[in-house]
Amino acid sequence: MRIMGIDPGTIITGWGVVEAQGSRLTCVSSGVLRAGHGEIGDRLAQIYAGLATLIAEYRPDGVALERNFLARNVQSAFRLGEARGVAMAAVAAAGLPLNEYAPMSVKKTVVGYGRADKSQVQAGVARLLALDSLPLEDEADALGVALCYVLSGGFESKVQQALAAAPAPRRRPVRRRRGGG
């Protein structure tokens, strides 16, 4: 199974591709897309194009996206939402399944502690993937999200698929009692 992880951002978007063969985990490739500080529309287009190119090149079986719900201020939250939307659009255009993970879940999976700091995540990712050096922060976050998907076995996705495929349970008619008691 090959999974791409994405840590969205409008200035820097981290990405990483992890492959799992049995219990063996390897980093296929990882890096960051640097969109810079130009016009937001141009940056979002650049992120979309970069992710579309990476998806086409590495052909993942699925994508894991970091679900950030906290931001320093409202403007940052809006910008982060825009970057997430662009990432989701690139994944949807490729027809790939998408799972989202909260940062706390990623940290718990990679480090064993949901409130781990950035350096601990970098070290945990490097250890799990037997990397020779620490990845950049955004790159480590993306690899961590991919690891979260792989190590959970895409559990949430499988549950959703099973629920969608299962027939709806038949409803029994409700019998109402007549009269008071």
N, C-alpha and C. Protein backbone atom coordinates (compact mmCIF):
# COMPACT_ATOMS: atom_id res chain seq x y z
N MET A 1 0.85 -1.16 0.00
CA MET A 1 0.00 0.00 0.00
C MET A 1 0.90 1.23 0.00
N ARG A 2 0.55 2.19 -0.84
CA ARG A 2 1.31 3.44 -0.95
C ARG A 2 0.37 4.60 -0.62
N ILE A 3 0.75 5.40 0.37
CA ILE A 3 -0.09 6.49 0.84
C ILE A 3 0.69 7.80 0.78
N MET A 4 0.02 8.84 0.28
CA MET A 4 0.61 10.17 0.30
C MET A 4 -0.01 10.95 1.46
N GLY A 5 0.85 11.58 2.23
CA GLY A 5 0.40 12.46 3.31
C GLY A 5 0.60 13.90 2.90
N ILE A 6 -0.33 14.77 3.30
CA ILE A 6 -0.25 16.19 2.97
C ILE A 6 -0.47 17.01 4.23
N ASP A 7 0.45 17.95 4.47
CA ASP A 7 0.31 18.94 5.53
C ASP A 7 0.09 20.27 4.83
N PRO A 8 -1.18 20.69 4.69
CA PRO A 8 -1.48 21.86 3.87
C PRO A 8 -1.07 23.18 4.50
N GLY A 9 -0.68 24.10 3.65
CA GLY A 9 -0.36 25.46 4.06
C GLY A 9 -0.29 26.33 2.82
N THR A 10 -0.59 27.61 2.95
CA THR A 10 -0.58 28.47 1.78
C THR A 10 0.81 29.01 1.44
N ILE A 11 1.74 28.89 2.36
CA ILE A 11 3.11 29.30 2.09
C ILE A 11 3.98 28.06 1.84
N ILE A 12 3.87 27.09 2.75
CA ILE A 12 4.60 25.83 2.61
C ILE A 12 3.62 24.68 2.82
N THR A 13 3.56 23.76 1.87
CA THR A 13 2.75 22.55 1.98
C THR A 13 3.70 21.37 2.02
N GLY A 14 3.64 20.62 3.10
CA GLY A 14 4.47 19.43 3.21
C GLY A 14 3.80 18.25 2.55
N TRP A 15 4.61 17.36 1.99
CA TRP A 15 4.08 16.13 1.39
C TRP A 15 5.06 15.00 1.63
N GLY A 16 4.52 13.79 1.68
CA GLY A 16 5.36 12.62 1.86
C GLY A 16 4.63 11.38 1.38
N VAL A 17 5.37 10.47 0.80
CA VAL A 17 4.80 9.22 0.30
C VAL A 17 5.43 8.07 1.07
N VAL A 18 4.57 7.27 1.69
CA VAL A 18 5.00 6.14 2.51
C VAL A 18 4.46 4.87 1.89
N GLU A 19 5.30 3.84 1.88
CA GLU A 19 4.87 2.55 1.37
C GLU A 19 4.94 1.53 2.49
N ALA A 20 3.91 0.70 2.57
CA ALA A 20 3.87 -0.37 3.58
C ALA A 20 3.78 -1.70 2.85
N GLN A 21 4.74 -2.55 3.14
CA GLN A 21 4.73 -3.92 2.63
C GLN A 21 4.81 -4.82 3.85
N GLY A 22 3.66 -5.36 4.23
CA GLY A 22 3.59 -6.09 5.49
C GLY A 22 3.82 -5.13 6.63
N SER A 23 4.79 -5.44 7.48
CA SER A 23 5.09 -4.55 8.61
C SER A 23 6.25 -3.59 8.28
N ARG A 24 6.76 -3.68 7.06
CA ARG A 24 7.88 -2.83 6.65
C ARG A 24 7.38 -1.49 6.10
N LEU A 25 7.85 -0.41 6.70
CA LEU A 25 7.47 0.94 6.28
C LEU A 25 8.67 1.62 5.64
N THR A 26 8.46 2.22 4.47
CA THR A 26 9.55 2.95 3.83
C THR A 26 9.04 4.30 3.32
N CYS A 27 9.94 5.25 3.32
CA CYS A 27 9.65 6.56 2.75
C CYS A 27 10.04 6.50 1.28
N VAL A 28 9.06 6.64 0.41
CA VAL A 28 9.33 6.63 -1.03
C VAL A 28 9.96 7.96 -1.42
N SER A 29 9.35 9.04 -0.95
CA SER A 29 9.85 10.38 -1.22
C SER A 29 9.08 11.37 -0.36
N SER A 30 9.66 12.54 -0.15
CA SER A 30 8.97 13.58 0.62
C SER A 30 9.62 14.92 0.31
N GLY A 31 8.92 15.96 0.69
CA GLY A 31 9.44 17.30 0.47
C GLY A 31 8.42 18.35 0.82
N VAL A 32 8.65 19.55 0.33
CA VAL A 32 7.71 20.65 0.56
C VAL A 32 7.48 21.38 -0.76
N LEU A 33 6.28 21.91 -0.90
CA LEU A 33 5.95 22.81 -2.00
C LEU A 33 5.99 24.21 -1.41
N ARG A 34 6.82 25.07 -1.95
CA ARG A 34 6.94 26.43 -1.44
C ARG A 34 6.19 27.38 -2.39
N ALA A 35 5.07 27.90 -1.89
CA ALA A 35 4.25 28.79 -2.70
C ALA A 35 4.64 30.25 -2.49
N GLY A 36 5.40 30.54 -1.45
CA GLY A 36 5.86 31.89 -1.22
C GLY A 36 4.81 32.81 -0.64
N HIS A 37 4.97 34.12 -0.90
CA HIS A 37 4.11 35.14 -0.30
C HIS A 37 3.38 36.00 -1.33
N GLY A 38 3.20 35.51 -2.54
CA GLY A 38 2.53 36.29 -3.58
C GLY A 38 1.02 36.33 -3.38
N GLU A 39 0.30 36.61 -4.46
CA GLU A 39 -1.16 36.65 -4.43
C GLU A 39 -1.71 35.28 -4.05
N ILE A 40 -2.75 35.26 -3.23
CA ILE A 40 -3.28 34.00 -2.72
C ILE A 40 -3.78 33.10 -3.84
N GLY A 41 -4.43 33.65 -4.84
CA GLY A 41 -4.91 32.84 -5.95
C GLY A 41 -3.79 32.14 -6.69
N ASP A 42 -2.70 32.85 -6.90
CA ASP A 42 -1.53 32.27 -7.57
C ASP A 42 -0.91 31.16 -6.71
N ARG A 43 -0.84 31.40 -5.40
CA ARG A 43 -0.27 30.39 -4.50
C ARG A 43 -1.12 29.13 -4.48
N LEU A 44 -2.45 29.29 -4.43
CA LEU A 44 -3.34 28.13 -4.40
C LEU A 44 -3.24 27.34 -5.71
N ALA A 45 -3.14 28.05 -6.83
CA ALA A 45 -2.98 27.37 -8.12
C ALA A 45 -1.67 26.60 -8.16
N GLN A 46 -0.63 27.18 -7.60
CA GLN A 46 0.68 26.54 -7.55
C GLN A 46 0.64 25.27 -6.69
N ILE A 47 -0.06 25.35 -5.55
CA ILE A 47 -0.19 24.18 -4.66
C ILE A 47 -0.97 23.08 -5.37
N TYR A 48 -2.08 23.44 -6.00
CA TYR A 48 -2.89 22.46 -6.72
C TYR A 48 -2.05 21.76 -7.80
N ALA A 49 -1.37 22.55 -8.63
CA ALA A 49 -0.56 21.98 -9.71
C ALA A 49 0.55 21.09 -9.15
N GLY A 50 1.19 21.54 -8.08
CA GLY A 50 2.26 20.75 -7.48
C GLY A 50 1.75 19.41 -6.94
N LEU A 51 0.63 19.45 -6.24
CA LEU A 51 0.07 18.20 -5.70
C LEU A 51 -0.40 17.29 -6.82
N ALA A 52 -1.03 17.85 -7.85
CA ALA A 52 -1.48 17.03 -8.99
C ALA A 52 -0.29 16.34 -9.66
N THR A 53 0.81 17.05 -9.80
CA THR A 53 2.02 16.46 -10.40
C THR A 53 2.57 15.34 -9.52
N LEU A 54 2.63 15.59 -8.20
CA LEU A 54 3.15 14.57 -7.28
C LEU A 54 2.26 13.33 -7.25
N ILE A 55 0.96 13.53 -7.27
CA ILE A 55 0.02 12.39 -7.28
C ILE A 55 0.22 11.57 -8.55
N ALA A 56 0.36 12.24 -9.68
CA ALA A 56 0.57 11.54 -10.94
C ALA A 56 1.91 10.80 -10.94
N GLU A 57 2.94 11.40 -10.34
CA GLU A 57 4.26 10.78 -10.33
C GLU A 57 4.35 9.57 -9.40
N TYR A 58 3.80 9.69 -8.19
CA TYR A 58 3.97 8.63 -7.18
C TYR A 58 2.81 7.65 -7.11
N ARG A 59 1.69 7.97 -7.74
CA ARG A 59 0.53 7.08 -7.83
C ARG A 59 0.16 6.41 -6.51
N PRO A 60 -0.21 7.20 -5.51
CA PRO A 60 -0.58 6.59 -4.23
C PRO A 60 -1.92 5.87 -4.33
N ASP A 61 -2.14 4.93 -3.41
CA ASP A 61 -3.42 4.22 -3.33
C ASP A 61 -4.45 5.04 -2.56
N GLY A 62 -3.98 5.97 -1.77
CA GLY A 62 -4.85 6.83 -1.00
C GLY A 62 -4.06 8.02 -0.49
N VAL A 63 -4.78 9.00 0.05
CA VAL A 63 -4.15 10.22 0.55
C VAL A 63 -4.66 10.51 1.95
N ALA A 64 -3.74 10.94 2.79
CA ALA A 64 -4.07 11.35 4.16
C ALA A 64 -3.77 12.84 4.28
N LEU A 65 -4.71 13.57 4.85
CA LEU A 65 -4.61 15.02 4.97
C LEU A 65 -4.71 15.41 6.44
N GLU A 66 -3.83 16.32 6.84
CA GLU A 66 -3.91 16.80 8.22
C GLU A 66 -5.11 17.73 8.35
N ARG A 67 -5.91 17.48 9.36
CA ARG A 67 -7.12 18.26 9.61
C ARG A 67 -6.82 19.25 10.73
N ASN A 68 -6.46 20.45 10.36
CA ASN A 68 -6.20 21.49 11.36
C ASN A 68 -7.48 22.23 11.65
N PHE A 69 -7.81 22.34 12.90
CA PHE A 69 -9.01 23.08 13.25
C PHE A 69 -8.69 24.24 14.19
N LEU A 70 -7.42 24.43 14.47
CA LEU A 70 -7.00 25.55 15.29
C LEU A 70 -6.05 26.42 14.49
N ALA A 71 -6.17 27.70 14.66
CA ALA A 71 -5.25 28.63 14.01
C ALA A 71 -5.02 29.80 14.94
N ARG A 72 -3.92 30.50 14.73
CA ARG A 72 -3.58 31.62 15.61
C ARG A 72 -4.60 32.74 15.53
N ASN A 73 -5.14 32.97 14.34
CA ASN A 73 -6.16 34.00 14.19
C ASN A 73 -7.12 33.61 13.08
N VAL A 74 -8.20 34.36 12.95
CA VAL A 74 -9.24 34.05 11.98
C VAL A 74 -8.70 34.04 10.55
N GLN A 75 -7.87 35.02 10.21
CA GLN A 75 -7.31 35.09 8.86
C GLN A 75 -6.49 33.85 8.55
N SER A 76 -5.68 33.39 9.52
CA SER A 76 -4.90 32.17 9.33
C SER A 76 -5.80 30.96 9.12
N ALA A 77 -6.89 30.90 9.86
CA ALA A 77 -7.84 29.79 9.73
C ALA A 77 -8.45 29.78 8.32
N PHE A 78 -8.82 30.95 7.81
CA PHE A 78 -9.37 31.02 6.46
C PHE A 78 -8.34 30.56 5.43
N ARG A 79 -7.13 31.04 5.54
CA ARG A 79 -6.08 30.68 4.58
C ARG A 79 -5.80 29.18 4.64
N LEU A 80 -5.75 28.62 5.83
CA LEU A 80 -5.51 27.19 5.98
C LEU A 80 -6.65 26.40 5.34
N GLY A 81 -7.88 26.87 5.53
CA GLY A 81 -9.02 26.21 4.90
C GLY A 81 -8.94 26.23 3.39
N GLU A 82 -8.43 27.32 2.84
CA GLU A 82 -8.27 27.42 1.39
C GLU A 82 -7.23 26.41 0.90
N ALA A 83 -6.13 26.28 1.62
CA ALA A 83 -5.09 25.31 1.24
C ALA A 83 -5.62 23.88 1.35
N ARG A 84 -6.39 23.62 2.38
CA ARG A 84 -6.99 22.29 2.54
C ARG A 84 -7.94 22.00 1.38
N GLY A 85 -8.73 22.99 1.00
CA GLY A 85 -9.67 22.81 -0.10
C GLY A 85 -8.97 22.50 -1.41
N VAL A 86 -7.87 23.19 -1.66
CA VAL A 86 -7.09 22.94 -2.87
C VAL A 86 -6.51 21.51 -2.85
N ALA A 87 -6.01 21.09 -1.71
CA ALA A 87 -5.48 19.72 -1.58
C ALA A 87 -6.59 18.70 -1.82
N MET A 88 -7.75 18.94 -1.23
CA MET A 88 -8.88 18.02 -1.42
C MET A 88 -9.29 17.96 -2.88
N ALA A 89 -9.29 19.09 -3.55
CA ALA A 89 -9.66 19.13 -4.97
C ALA A 89 -8.67 18.33 -5.81
N ALA A 90 -7.38 18.46 -5.52
CA ALA A 90 -6.36 17.71 -6.27
C ALA A 90 -6.54 16.20 -6.07
N VAL A 91 -6.84 15.81 -4.84
CA VAL A 91 -7.05 14.39 -4.54
C VAL A 91 -8.32 13.89 -5.23
N ALA A 92 -9.40 14.67 -5.16
CA ALA A 92 -10.65 14.27 -5.79
C ALA A 92 -10.50 14.17 -7.31
N ALA A 93 -9.76 15.11 -7.91
CA ALA A 93 -9.55 15.09 -9.35
C ALA A 93 -8.81 13.83 -9.78
N ALA A 94 -7.97 13.29 -8.89
CA ALA A 94 -7.24 12.06 -9.19
C ALA A 94 -8.06 10.81 -8.87
N GLY A 95 -9.23 11.00 -8.27
CA GLY A 95 -10.11 9.88 -7.95
C GLY A 95 -9.61 9.01 -6.81
N LEU A 96 -8.86 9.60 -5.89
CA LEU A 96 -8.29 8.82 -4.79
C LEU A 96 -9.09 8.96 -3.50
N PRO A 97 -9.09 7.92 -2.67
CA PRO A 97 -9.73 8.05 -1.37
C PRO A 97 -8.92 8.99 -0.47
N LEU A 98 -9.64 9.73 0.35
CA LEU A 98 -9.00 10.71 1.24
C LEU A 98 -9.43 10.46 2.67
N ASN A 99 -8.47 10.37 3.57
CA ASN A 99 -8.73 10.30 5.00
C ASN A 99 -8.11 11.52 5.65
N GLU A 100 -8.78 12.03 6.67
CA GLU A 100 -8.26 13.19 7.40
C GLU A 100 -7.95 12.79 8.83
N TYR A 101 -6.89 13.36 9.37
CA TYR A 101 -6.46 13.06 10.73
C TYR A 101 -6.14 14.34 11.47
N ALA A 102 -6.60 14.42 12.70
CA ALA A 102 -6.30 15.56 13.56
C ALA A 102 -4.83 15.50 13.97
N PRO A 103 -4.20 16.65 14.16
CA PRO A 103 -2.79 16.67 14.56
C PRO A 103 -2.52 15.83 15.82
N MET A 104 -3.43 15.85 16.76
CA MET A 104 -3.24 15.08 17.98
C MET A 104 -3.19 13.57 17.71
N SER A 105 -4.01 13.10 16.77
CA SER A 105 -3.99 11.68 16.39
C SER A 105 -2.69 11.31 15.71
N VAL A 106 -2.21 12.21 14.85
CA VAL A 106 -0.94 11.96 14.16
C VAL A 106 0.19 11.86 15.17
N LYS A 107 0.24 12.80 16.10
CA LYS A 107 1.30 12.81 17.11
C LYS A 107 1.25 11.56 17.98
N LYS A 108 0.05 11.13 18.34
CA LYS A 108 -0.10 9.93 19.16
C LYS A 108 0.39 8.70 18.40
N THR A 109 0.08 8.64 17.12
CA THR A 109 0.52 7.51 16.30
C THR A 109 2.03 7.48 16.12
N VAL A 110 2.62 8.64 15.85
CA VAL A 110 4.04 8.70 15.51
C VAL A 110 4.95 8.73 16.74
N VAL A 111 4.50 9.41 17.79
CA VAL A 111 5.35 9.61 18.97
C VAL A 111 4.83 8.84 20.18
N GLY A 112 3.52 8.60 20.21
CA GLY A 112 2.92 7.95 21.38
C GLY A 112 2.35 8.93 22.37
N TYR A 113 2.39 10.22 22.02
CA TYR A 113 1.92 11.28 22.90
C TYR A 113 1.25 12.34 22.05
N GLY A 114 -0.03 12.62 22.30
CA GLY A 114 -0.82 13.52 21.48
C GLY A 114 -0.43 14.98 21.54
N ARG A 115 0.39 15.37 22.52
CA ARG A 115 0.80 16.78 22.63
C ARG A 115 2.30 16.94 22.35
N ALA A 116 2.84 16.04 21.55
CA ALA A 116 4.26 16.10 21.21
C ALA A 116 4.57 17.38 20.44
N ASP A 117 5.80 17.86 20.56
CA ASP A 117 6.18 19.06 19.81
C ASP A 117 6.75 18.67 18.45
N LYS A 118 7.04 19.69 17.65
CA LYS A 118 7.50 19.46 16.27
C LYS A 118 8.77 18.60 16.20
N SER A 119 9.71 18.87 17.10
CA SER A 119 10.97 18.11 17.05
C SER A 119 10.74 16.64 17.41
N GLN A 120 9.80 16.37 18.29
CA GLN A 120 9.49 14.99 18.64
C GLN A 120 8.83 14.26 17.46
N VAL A 121 7.98 14.98 16.72
CA VAL A 121 7.35 14.39 15.53
C VAL A 121 8.43 14.09 14.49
N GLN A 122 9.34 15.03 14.28
CA GLN A 122 10.43 14.79 13.33
C GLN A 122 11.22 13.54 13.72
N ALA A 123 11.57 13.42 14.98
CA ALA A 123 12.35 12.27 15.45
C ALA A 123 11.54 10.97 15.33
N GLY A 124 10.26 11.02 15.66
CA GLY A 124 9.41 9.83 15.56
C GLY A 124 9.26 9.34 14.13
N VAL A 125 9.06 10.27 13.21
CA VAL A 125 8.95 9.92 11.80
C VAL A 125 10.27 9.33 11.30
N ALA A 126 11.38 9.96 11.65
CA ALA A 126 12.70 9.46 11.23
C ALA A 126 12.93 8.04 11.76
N ARG A 127 12.51 7.80 13.00
CA ARG A 127 12.70 6.47 13.60
C ARG A 127 11.82 5.43 12.90
N LEU A 128 10.53 5.73 12.73
CA LEU A 128 9.62 4.77 12.11
C LEU A 128 9.98 4.43 10.67
N LEU A 129 10.53 5.41 9.96
CA LEU A 129 10.87 5.20 8.55
C LEU A 129 12.36 4.93 8.32
N ALA A 130 13.11 4.82 9.42
CA ALA A 130 14.56 4.56 9.35
C ALA A 130 15.26 5.56 8.42
N LEU A 131 14.95 6.85 8.61
CA LEU A 131 15.57 7.90 7.79
C LEU A 131 16.95 8.22 8.34
N ASP A 132 17.86 8.62 7.47
CA ASP A 132 19.22 8.98 7.88
C ASP A 132 19.30 10.34 8.56
N SER A 133 18.33 11.21 8.25
CA SER A 133 18.32 12.54 8.84
C SER A 133 16.88 12.95 9.14
N LEU A 134 16.76 13.99 9.96
CA LEU A 134 15.42 14.49 10.30
C LEU A 134 14.82 15.22 9.11
N PRO A 135 13.56 14.94 8.81
CA PRO A 135 12.90 15.71 7.74
C PRO A 135 12.55 17.11 8.23
N LEU A 136 12.29 18.02 7.30
CA LEU A 136 11.81 19.36 7.66
C LEU A 136 10.49 19.23 8.43
N GLU A 137 10.12 20.24 9.21
CA GLU A 137 8.91 20.17 10.03
C GLU A 137 7.66 19.84 9.22
N ASP A 138 7.41 20.58 8.15
CA ASP A 138 6.20 20.35 7.34
C ASP A 138 6.25 19.01 6.63
N GLU A 139 7.43 18.61 6.23
CA GLU A 139 7.64 17.31 5.60
C GLU A 139 7.37 16.20 6.61
N ALA A 140 7.86 16.36 7.84
CA ALA A 140 7.64 15.37 8.90
C ALA A 140 6.15 15.26 9.22
N ASP A 141 5.45 16.40 9.26
CA ASP A 141 4.01 16.37 9.52
C ASP A 141 3.28 15.58 8.43
N ALA A 142 3.66 15.79 7.18
CA ALA A 142 3.03 15.08 6.07
C ALA A 142 3.33 13.58 6.14
N LEU A 143 4.57 13.23 6.42
CA LEU A 143 4.92 11.81 6.56
C LEU A 143 4.18 11.20 7.75
N GLY A 144 4.04 11.97 8.82
CA GLY A 144 3.31 11.50 10.00
C GLY A 144 1.85 11.22 9.68
N VAL A 145 1.23 12.08 8.88
CA VAL A 145 -0.17 11.87 8.48
C VAL A 145 -0.28 10.60 7.65
N ALA A 146 0.66 10.40 6.73
CA ALA A 146 0.66 9.18 5.92
C ALA A 146 0.85 7.95 6.81
N LEU A 147 1.74 8.04 7.79
CA LEU A 147 1.94 6.93 8.72
C LEU A 147 0.69 6.65 9.53
N CYS A 148 -0.01 7.69 9.91
CA CYS A 148 -1.26 7.54 10.66
C CYS A 148 -2.25 6.71 9.83
N TYR A 149 -2.36 7.00 8.56
CA TYR A 149 -3.24 6.25 7.67
C TYR A 149 -2.79 4.79 7.58
N VAL A 150 -1.51 4.59 7.32
CA VAL A 150 -0.98 3.24 7.13
C VAL A 150 -1.12 2.42 8.41
N LEU A 151 -0.75 3.00 9.54
CA LEU A 151 -0.76 2.25 10.79
C LEU A 151 -2.17 2.02 11.34
N SER A 152 -3.13 2.84 10.91
CA SER A 152 -4.52 2.59 11.31
C SER A 152 -5.21 1.71 10.26
N GLY A 153 -4.48 1.39 9.20
CA GLY A 153 -5.02 0.53 8.16
C GLY A 153 -6.14 1.18 7.37
N GLY A 154 -6.17 2.51 7.37
CA GLY A 154 -7.26 3.18 6.67
C GLY A 154 -8.60 2.82 7.29
N PHE A 155 -8.59 2.58 8.59
CA PHE A 155 -9.76 2.07 9.30
C PHE A 155 -11.02 2.90 9.04
N GLU A 156 -10.91 4.22 9.15
CA GLU A 156 -12.08 5.07 8.97
C GLU A 156 -12.65 4.91 7.56
N SER A 157 -11.76 4.82 6.57
CA SER A 157 -12.20 4.67 5.19
C SER A 157 -12.93 3.34 5.01
N LYS A 158 -12.41 2.29 5.62
CA LYS A 158 -13.04 0.98 5.49
C LYS A 158 -14.42 0.96 6.15
N VAL A 159 -14.55 1.63 7.29
CA VAL A 159 -15.85 1.71 7.96
C VAL A 159 -16.85 2.44 7.07
N GLN A 160 -16.42 3.57 6.51
CA GLN A 160 -17.32 4.35 5.64
C GLN A 160 -17.73 3.55 4.41
N GLN A 161 -16.78 2.80 3.82
CA GLN A 161 -17.10 1.99 2.65
C GLN A 161 -18.09 0.89 3.02
N ALA A 162 -17.89 0.26 4.17
CA ALA A 162 -18.79 -0.81 4.62
C ALA A 162 -20.20 -0.26 4.87
N LEU A 163 -20.26 0.91 5.49
CA LEU A 163 -21.57 1.51 5.76
C LEU A 163 -22.28 1.89 4.46
N ALA A 164 -21.53 2.38 3.49
CA ALA A 164 -22.12 2.77 2.22
C ALA A 164 -22.61 1.55 1.43
N ALA A 165 -21.91 0.43 1.55
CA ALA A 165 -22.25 -0.76 0.80
C ALA A 165 -23.35 -1.59 1.46
N ALA A 166 -23.51 -1.46 2.77
CA ALA A 166 -24.49 -2.26 3.50
C ALA A 166 -25.90 -1.76 3.22
N PRO A 167 -26.83 -2.70 3.04
CA PRO A 167 -28.22 -2.27 2.84
C PRO A 167 -28.75 -1.66 4.14
N ALA A 168 -29.64 -0.73 3.99
CA ALA A 168 -30.24 -0.10 5.17
C ALA A 168 -31.09 -1.13 5.89
N PRO A 169 -31.06 -1.12 7.22
CA PRO A 169 -31.88 -2.10 7.96
C PRO A 169 -33.36 -1.83 7.72
N ARG A 170 -34.12 -2.92 7.69
CA ARG A 170 -35.57 -2.77 7.51
C ARG A 170 -36.16 -2.26 8.80
N ARG A 171 -37.09 -1.39 8.65
CA ARG A 171 -37.76 -0.84 9.82
C ARG A 171 -39.00 -1.66 10.11
N ARG A 172 -39.16 -1.99 11.35
CA ARG A 172 -40.38 -2.69 11.76
C ARG A 172 -41.44 -1.64 12.04
N PRO A 173 -42.66 -1.98 11.70
CA PRO A 173 -43.72 -1.02 12.02
C PRO A 173 -43.85 -0.86 13.53
N VAL A 174 -44.13 0.33 13.94
CA VAL A 174 -44.30 0.62 15.36
C VAL A 174 -45.73 0.32 15.74
N ARG A 175 -45.90 -0.49 16.76
CA ARG A 175 -47.25 -0.79 17.24
C ARG A 175 -47.58 0.18 18.34
N ARG A 176 -48.69 0.78 18.17
CA ARG A 176 -49.13 1.75 19.17
C ARG A 176 -50.23 1.12 20.02
N ARG A 177 -50.13 1.38 21.28
CA ARG A 177 -51.16 0.89 22.19
C ARG A 177 -52.38 1.79 22.12
N ARG A 178 -53.48 1.16 22.21
CA ARG A 178 -54.72 1.95 22.24
C ARG A 178 -55.21 2.03 23.67
N GLY A 179 -55.70 3.16 23.94
CA GLY A 179 -56.26 3.35 25.28
C GLY A 179 -55.21 3.72 26.28
N GLY A 180 -55.60 4.21 27.38
CA GLY A 180 -54.68 4.66 28.41
C GLY A 180 -54.44 3.56 29.42
N GLY A 181 -53.74 3.83 30.37
CA GLY A 181 -53.48 2.77 31.32
C GLY A 181 -53.39 3.20 32.68
